[in-house]
Amino acid sequence: MPSGIVKLENAVFYAHHGVMKEEHRIGGRYEVDVVMTVDFTDAAINDDLDKTVDYEKIYSQVKEIVTRNNFYLIERLAYLIGEKVLDDHDGVDHVEVTVRKPNPPVGGPCDRAVAVFSANRTDLGQ
């Protein structure tokens, strides 16, 4: 089966995640990439959004997960986003979600902490 890649790159949100109390109180910037493997042949041939993944819907789902929750781990964010994409979008065969937390509180200079979740539809029993 042919496949293509649809991506959202560097969606940026302000949210309250982290292990430290200050991170939950003050919040910070979070950056998210979502890479989806999908057969969009019919969509491309027919120029039809209904035959591919709607990245506006994906963005809305990512935004809700990131901004309406408070978690300790960015790994949790990456996992929940990936699970949601696979659960809600039948045409997505594989998803890779990257969550970046710029300037993490690690006791010294560090550009970002990154968590990457990658799964096939079959990995989650779908």
N, C-alpha and C. Protein backbone atom coordinates (compact mmCIF):
# COMPACT_ATOMS: atom_id res chain seq x y z
N MET A 1 0.85 -1.18 0.00
CA MET A 1 0.00 0.00 0.00
C MET A 1 0.89 1.24 0.00
N PRO A 2 0.58 2.23 -0.85
CA PRO A 2 1.37 3.45 -0.84
C PRO A 2 1.16 4.21 0.48
N SER A 3 2.13 5.00 0.83
CA SER A 3 1.96 5.82 2.03
C SER A 3 2.67 7.15 1.84
N GLY A 4 2.24 8.10 2.62
CA GLY A 4 2.84 9.41 2.63
C GLY A 4 2.99 9.86 4.06
N ILE A 5 3.56 11.02 4.23
CA ILE A 5 3.79 11.59 5.55
C ILE A 5 3.07 12.93 5.62
N VAL A 6 2.31 13.12 6.68
CA VAL A 6 1.71 14.41 6.99
C VAL A 6 2.28 14.84 8.34
N LYS A 7 2.76 16.08 8.42
CA LYS A 7 3.42 16.55 9.64
C LYS A 7 2.82 17.86 10.15
N LEU A 8 2.83 17.99 11.45
CA LEU A 8 2.70 19.29 12.11
C LEU A 8 4.04 19.52 12.76
N GLU A 9 4.67 20.62 12.46
CA GLU A 9 6.00 20.88 13.01
C GLU A 9 5.99 22.12 13.89
N ASN A 10 6.53 21.94 15.08
CA ASN A 10 6.76 23.02 16.04
C ASN A 10 5.48 23.78 16.42
N ALA A 11 4.44 23.04 16.75
CA ALA A 11 3.26 23.66 17.35
C ALA A 11 3.66 24.09 18.76
N VAL A 12 3.44 25.35 19.09
CA VAL A 12 3.95 25.91 20.35
C VAL A 12 2.80 26.26 21.28
N PHE A 13 2.94 25.84 22.54
CA PHE A 13 1.92 26.07 23.55
C PHE A 13 2.56 26.52 24.84
N TYR A 14 1.80 27.23 25.64
CA TYR A 14 2.21 27.58 27.00
C TYR A 14 1.40 26.70 27.93
N ALA A 15 2.09 25.96 28.80
CA ALA A 15 1.39 25.01 29.66
C ALA A 15 2.14 24.82 30.97
N HIS A 16 1.58 23.99 31.83
CA HIS A 16 2.10 23.82 33.20
C HIS A 16 2.40 22.36 33.48
N HIS A 17 3.56 21.90 33.00
CA HIS A 17 3.99 20.52 33.21
C HIS A 17 5.37 20.52 33.84
N GLY A 18 5.67 19.46 34.57
CA GLY A 18 6.99 19.31 35.15
C GLY A 18 6.93 18.69 36.53
N VAL A 19 8.06 18.25 36.98
CA VAL A 19 8.16 17.60 38.28
C VAL A 19 8.18 18.63 39.40
N MET A 20 8.76 19.78 39.13
CA MET A 20 8.91 20.81 40.17
C MET A 20 7.62 21.63 40.33
N LYS A 21 7.31 22.00 41.57
CA LYS A 21 6.10 22.79 41.84
C LYS A 21 6.11 24.10 41.06
N GLU A 22 7.27 24.72 40.94
CA GLU A 22 7.38 25.99 40.22
C GLU A 22 6.94 25.85 38.76
N GLU A 23 7.23 24.71 38.15
CA GLU A 23 6.84 24.48 36.76
C GLU A 23 5.32 24.44 36.63
N HIS A 24 4.66 23.88 37.61
CA HIS A 24 3.19 23.84 37.58
C HIS A 24 2.60 25.22 37.86
N ARG A 25 3.28 25.97 38.70
CA ARG A 25 2.77 27.30 39.05
C ARG A 25 3.03 28.32 37.95
N ILE A 26 4.25 28.37 37.45
CA ILE A 26 4.66 29.39 36.48
C ILE A 26 4.35 28.97 35.04
N GLY A 27 4.57 27.70 34.74
CA GLY A 27 4.35 27.22 33.38
C GLY A 27 5.54 27.50 32.48
N GLY A 28 5.41 27.08 31.25
CA GLY A 28 6.50 27.28 30.29
C GLY A 28 6.07 26.91 28.89
N ARG A 29 7.01 27.05 27.98
CA ARG A 29 6.80 26.80 26.57
C ARG A 29 7.01 25.31 26.26
N TYR A 30 6.12 24.77 25.44
CA TYR A 30 6.22 23.40 24.97
C TYR A 30 6.05 23.39 23.47
N GLU A 31 6.89 22.62 22.80
CA GLU A 31 6.86 22.52 21.34
C GLU A 31 6.55 21.08 20.95
N VAL A 32 5.66 20.92 19.98
CA VAL A 32 5.21 19.57 19.61
C VAL A 32 5.28 19.38 18.10
N ASP A 33 5.83 18.24 17.70
CA ASP A 33 5.79 17.79 16.31
C ASP A 33 4.97 16.51 16.26
N VAL A 34 4.14 16.38 15.24
CA VAL A 34 3.38 15.15 15.02
C VAL A 34 3.63 14.72 13.58
N VAL A 35 4.18 13.53 13.41
CA VAL A 35 4.46 12.98 12.09
C VAL A 35 3.57 11.75 11.92
N MET A 36 2.75 11.76 10.87
CA MET A 36 1.79 10.69 10.65
C MET A 36 2.01 10.04 9.29
N THR A 37 2.03 8.72 9.28
CA THR A 37 2.09 7.96 8.04
C THR A 37 0.66 7.63 7.63
N VAL A 38 0.31 8.03 6.42
CA VAL A 38 -1.06 7.86 5.95
C VAL A 38 -1.04 7.69 4.44
N ASP A 39 -1.92 6.85 3.93
CA ASP A 39 -2.06 6.73 2.48
C ASP A 39 -2.97 7.87 2.01
N PHE A 40 -2.37 8.90 1.43
CA PHE A 40 -3.18 10.02 0.96
C PHE A 40 -3.29 10.07 -0.56
N THR A 41 -3.12 8.92 -1.20
CA THR A 41 -3.22 8.84 -2.65
C THR A 41 -4.57 9.36 -3.15
N ASP A 42 -5.68 8.83 -2.58
CA ASP A 42 -7.02 9.28 -3.00
C ASP A 42 -7.21 10.77 -2.74
N ALA A 43 -6.72 11.25 -1.62
CA ALA A 43 -6.85 12.67 -1.31
C ALA A 43 -6.12 13.52 -2.34
N ALA A 44 -4.92 13.08 -2.72
CA ALA A 44 -4.13 13.84 -3.68
C ALA A 44 -4.77 13.82 -5.07
N ILE A 45 -5.24 12.65 -5.48
CA ILE A 45 -5.86 12.53 -6.80
C ILE A 45 -7.14 13.35 -6.89
N ASN A 46 -7.95 13.30 -5.83
CA ASN A 46 -9.26 13.95 -5.84
C ASN A 46 -9.29 15.32 -5.16
N ASP A 47 -8.15 15.73 -4.61
CA ASP A 47 -8.06 17.01 -3.89
C ASP A 47 -9.17 17.09 -2.83
N ASP A 48 -9.24 16.02 -2.00
CA ASP A 48 -10.35 15.84 -1.06
C ASP A 48 -9.83 15.65 0.36
N LEU A 49 -10.09 16.62 1.21
CA LEU A 49 -9.65 16.57 2.60
C LEU A 49 -10.20 15.36 3.35
N ASP A 50 -11.39 14.92 2.99
CA ASP A 50 -12.01 13.79 3.68
C ASP A 50 -11.26 12.47 3.47
N LYS A 51 -10.32 12.45 2.55
CA LYS A 51 -9.59 11.22 2.25
C LYS A 51 -8.17 11.24 2.81
N THR A 52 -7.91 12.16 3.71
CA THR A 52 -6.60 12.23 4.37
C THR A 52 -6.82 12.66 5.81
N VAL A 53 -5.75 12.88 6.51
CA VAL A 53 -5.84 13.34 7.89
C VAL A 53 -5.96 14.87 7.90
N ASP A 54 -6.87 15.38 8.69
CA ASP A 54 -7.10 16.82 8.80
C ASP A 54 -6.19 17.38 9.89
N TYR A 55 -5.11 18.04 9.49
CA TYR A 55 -4.15 18.48 10.50
C TYR A 55 -4.67 19.62 11.36
N GLU A 56 -5.74 20.30 10.96
CA GLU A 56 -6.36 21.28 11.84
C GLU A 56 -7.00 20.57 13.04
N LYS A 57 -7.63 19.43 12.80
CA LYS A 57 -8.20 18.64 13.90
C LYS A 57 -7.10 18.09 14.79
N ILE A 58 -6.02 17.63 14.19
CA ILE A 58 -4.88 17.12 14.97
C ILE A 58 -4.35 18.23 15.87
N TYR A 59 -4.16 19.42 15.30
CA TYR A 59 -3.66 20.55 16.08
C TYR A 59 -4.58 20.84 17.27
N SER A 60 -5.87 20.85 17.05
CA SER A 60 -6.83 21.11 18.13
C SER A 60 -6.72 20.07 19.23
N GLN A 61 -6.55 18.81 18.84
CA GLN A 61 -6.42 17.74 19.83
C GLN A 61 -5.12 17.89 20.62
N VAL A 62 -4.04 18.21 19.93
CA VAL A 62 -2.75 18.42 20.61
C VAL A 62 -2.86 19.58 21.58
N LYS A 63 -3.43 20.67 21.12
CA LYS A 63 -3.58 21.85 21.97
C LYS A 63 -4.36 21.52 23.25
N GLU A 64 -5.45 20.78 23.09
CA GLU A 64 -6.25 20.43 24.27
C GLU A 64 -5.46 19.57 25.25
N ILE A 65 -4.76 18.57 24.75
CA ILE A 65 -3.98 17.69 25.63
C ILE A 65 -2.89 18.47 26.34
N VAL A 66 -2.19 19.34 25.63
CA VAL A 66 -1.07 20.07 26.22
C VAL A 66 -1.54 21.15 27.20
N THR A 67 -2.57 21.89 26.83
CA THR A 67 -2.93 23.06 27.64
C THR A 67 -3.97 22.81 28.71
N ARG A 68 -4.72 21.73 28.63
CA ARG A 68 -5.80 21.51 29.61
C ARG A 68 -5.44 20.47 30.66
N ASN A 69 -4.19 20.08 30.69
CA ASN A 69 -3.72 19.09 31.68
C ASN A 69 -2.45 19.59 32.34
N ASN A 70 -2.14 19.03 33.49
CA ASN A 70 -0.87 19.28 34.17
C ASN A 70 -0.26 17.92 34.48
N PHE A 71 0.84 17.62 33.82
CA PHE A 71 1.52 16.34 34.03
C PHE A 71 2.93 16.59 34.56
N TYR A 72 3.51 15.57 35.15
CA TYR A 72 4.90 15.65 35.57
C TYR A 72 5.85 15.47 34.38
N LEU A 73 5.49 14.59 33.46
CA LEU A 73 6.43 14.17 32.42
C LEU A 73 6.00 14.56 31.01
N ILE A 74 6.97 15.00 30.21
CA ILE A 74 6.69 15.25 28.80
C ILE A 74 6.49 13.93 28.06
N GLU A 75 7.00 12.85 28.63
CA GLU A 75 6.75 11.53 28.05
C GLU A 75 5.25 11.23 28.05
N ARG A 76 4.55 11.65 29.11
CA ARG A 76 3.11 11.46 29.20
C ARG A 76 2.40 12.24 28.09
N LEU A 77 2.82 13.46 27.86
CA LEU A 77 2.24 14.26 26.79
C LEU A 77 2.42 13.58 25.44
N ALA A 78 3.65 13.16 25.15
CA ALA A 78 3.93 12.53 23.85
C ALA A 78 3.09 11.27 23.67
N TYR A 79 3.00 10.45 24.71
CA TYR A 79 2.22 9.22 24.63
C TYR A 79 0.74 9.50 24.39
N LEU A 80 0.16 10.41 25.18
CA LEU A 80 -1.27 10.70 25.06
C LEU A 80 -1.62 11.30 23.70
N ILE A 81 -0.76 12.15 23.18
CA ILE A 81 -1.00 12.72 21.85
C ILE A 81 -0.97 11.62 20.80
N GLY A 82 0.05 10.77 20.84
CA GLY A 82 0.15 9.67 19.88
C GLY A 82 -1.03 8.73 19.95
N GLU A 83 -1.43 8.38 21.16
CA GLU A 83 -2.57 7.50 21.35
C GLU A 83 -3.85 8.13 20.79
N LYS A 84 -4.04 9.42 21.04
CA LYS A 84 -5.24 10.13 20.56
C LYS A 84 -5.28 10.13 19.02
N VAL A 85 -4.15 10.42 18.40
CA VAL A 85 -4.09 10.45 16.93
C VAL A 85 -4.47 9.09 16.36
N LEU A 86 -3.90 8.03 16.91
CA LEU A 86 -4.21 6.69 16.39
C LEU A 86 -5.65 6.29 16.69
N ASP A 87 -6.16 6.67 17.86
CA ASP A 87 -7.54 6.33 18.23
C ASP A 87 -8.58 7.03 17.35
N ASP A 88 -8.32 8.29 17.03
CA ASP A 88 -9.33 9.12 16.38
C ASP A 88 -9.21 9.25 14.86
N HIS A 89 -8.12 8.76 14.29
CA HIS A 89 -7.89 8.98 12.86
C HIS A 89 -7.52 7.65 12.20
N ASP A 90 -8.54 6.98 11.68
CA ASP A 90 -8.38 5.64 11.12
C ASP A 90 -7.33 5.55 10.01
N GLY A 91 -7.16 6.61 9.26
CA GLY A 91 -6.22 6.57 8.14
C GLY A 91 -4.76 6.65 8.55
N VAL A 92 -4.49 6.96 9.80
CA VAL A 92 -3.10 7.06 10.27
C VAL A 92 -2.61 5.67 10.65
N ASP A 93 -1.57 5.20 9.96
CA ASP A 93 -1.00 3.88 10.22
C ASP A 93 0.12 3.92 11.25
N HIS A 94 0.81 5.05 11.31
CA HIS A 94 1.94 5.21 12.24
C HIS A 94 1.99 6.67 12.68
N VAL A 95 2.37 6.89 13.92
CA VAL A 95 2.52 8.25 14.42
C VAL A 95 3.82 8.36 15.20
N GLU A 96 4.46 9.50 15.06
CA GLU A 96 5.62 9.83 15.88
C GLU A 96 5.38 11.22 16.45
N VAL A 97 5.43 11.32 17.77
CA VAL A 97 5.18 12.59 18.45
C VAL A 97 6.43 12.99 19.20
N THR A 98 6.87 14.22 18.97
CA THR A 98 8.02 14.77 19.68
C THR A 98 7.53 15.94 20.52
N VAL A 99 7.86 15.92 21.80
CA VAL A 99 7.55 17.03 22.70
C VAL A 99 8.87 17.59 23.19
N ARG A 100 9.05 18.91 23.00
CA ARG A 100 10.26 19.59 23.45
C ARG A 100 9.91 20.59 24.56
N LYS A 101 10.75 20.61 25.58
CA LYS A 101 10.60 21.55 26.67
C LYS A 101 11.88 22.40 26.69
N PRO A 102 11.82 23.62 26.16
CA PRO A 102 13.01 24.47 26.14
C PRO A 102 13.46 24.85 27.55
N ASN A 103 14.75 24.98 27.71
CA ASN A 103 15.36 25.42 28.97
C ASN A 103 14.86 24.67 30.19
N PRO A 104 14.97 23.35 30.19
CA PRO A 104 14.46 22.59 31.34
C PRO A 104 15.29 22.86 32.59
N PRO A 105 14.68 22.77 33.76
CA PRO A 105 15.41 23.03 35.01
C PRO A 105 16.26 21.82 35.40
N VAL A 106 17.46 21.75 34.85
CA VAL A 106 18.34 20.61 35.10
C VAL A 106 19.59 20.99 35.89
N GLY A 107 19.65 22.23 36.38
CA GLY A 107 20.80 22.64 37.17
C GLY A 107 21.95 23.19 36.37
N GLY A 108 21.74 23.45 35.09
CA GLY A 108 22.79 24.00 34.25
C GLY A 108 22.25 24.28 32.87
N PRO A 109 23.11 24.81 31.99
CA PRO A 109 22.67 25.14 30.65
C PRO A 109 22.21 23.88 29.88
N CYS A 110 21.04 23.98 29.28
CA CYS A 110 20.51 22.89 28.46
C CYS A 110 19.46 23.50 27.55
N ASP A 111 19.60 23.31 26.25
CA ASP A 111 18.67 23.90 25.29
C ASP A 111 17.25 23.37 25.46
N ARG A 112 17.12 22.05 25.61
CA ARG A 112 15.77 21.49 25.69
C ARG A 112 15.82 20.05 26.18
N ALA A 113 14.72 19.62 26.75
CA ALA A 113 14.48 18.20 27.02
C ALA A 113 13.49 17.73 25.96
N VAL A 114 13.66 16.50 25.50
CA VAL A 114 12.85 16.00 24.40
C VAL A 114 12.37 14.58 24.72
N ALA A 115 11.09 14.34 24.44
CA ALA A 115 10.54 12.99 24.51
C ALA A 115 9.92 12.67 23.17
N VAL A 116 10.19 11.48 22.65
CA VAL A 116 9.65 11.05 21.36
C VAL A 116 8.88 9.74 21.57
N PHE A 117 7.63 9.74 21.14
CA PHE A 117 6.79 8.54 21.18
C PHE A 117 6.51 8.13 19.75
N SER A 118 6.67 6.84 19.47
CA SER A 118 6.46 6.33 18.12
C SER A 118 5.66 5.03 18.22
N ALA A 119 4.58 4.93 17.43
CA ALA A 119 3.76 3.72 17.47
C ALA A 119 3.05 3.49 16.15
N ASN A 120 2.87 2.23 15.83
CA ASN A 120 2.02 1.81 14.73
C ASN A 120 0.63 1.56 15.29
N ARG A 121 -0.33 1.61 14.43
CA ARG A 121 -1.72 1.31 14.84
C ARG A 121 -1.78 -0.05 15.54
N THR A 122 -1.06 -1.04 15.04
CA THR A 122 -1.08 -2.38 15.62
C THR A 122 -0.43 -2.43 17.00
N ASP A 123 0.48 -1.50 17.32
CA ASP A 123 1.13 -1.46 18.62
C ASP A 123 0.15 -1.22 19.74
N LEU A 124 -0.92 -0.48 19.46
CA LEU A 124 -1.91 -0.15 20.48
C LEU A 124 -3.14 -1.04 20.36
N GLY A 125 -2.99 -2.16 19.67
CA GLY A 125 -4.08 -3.12 19.54
C GLY A 125 -5.21 -2.66 18.64
N GLN A 126 -4.89 -1.83 17.66
CA GLN A 126 -5.94 -1.29 16.79
C GLN A 126 -5.87 -1.89 15.41
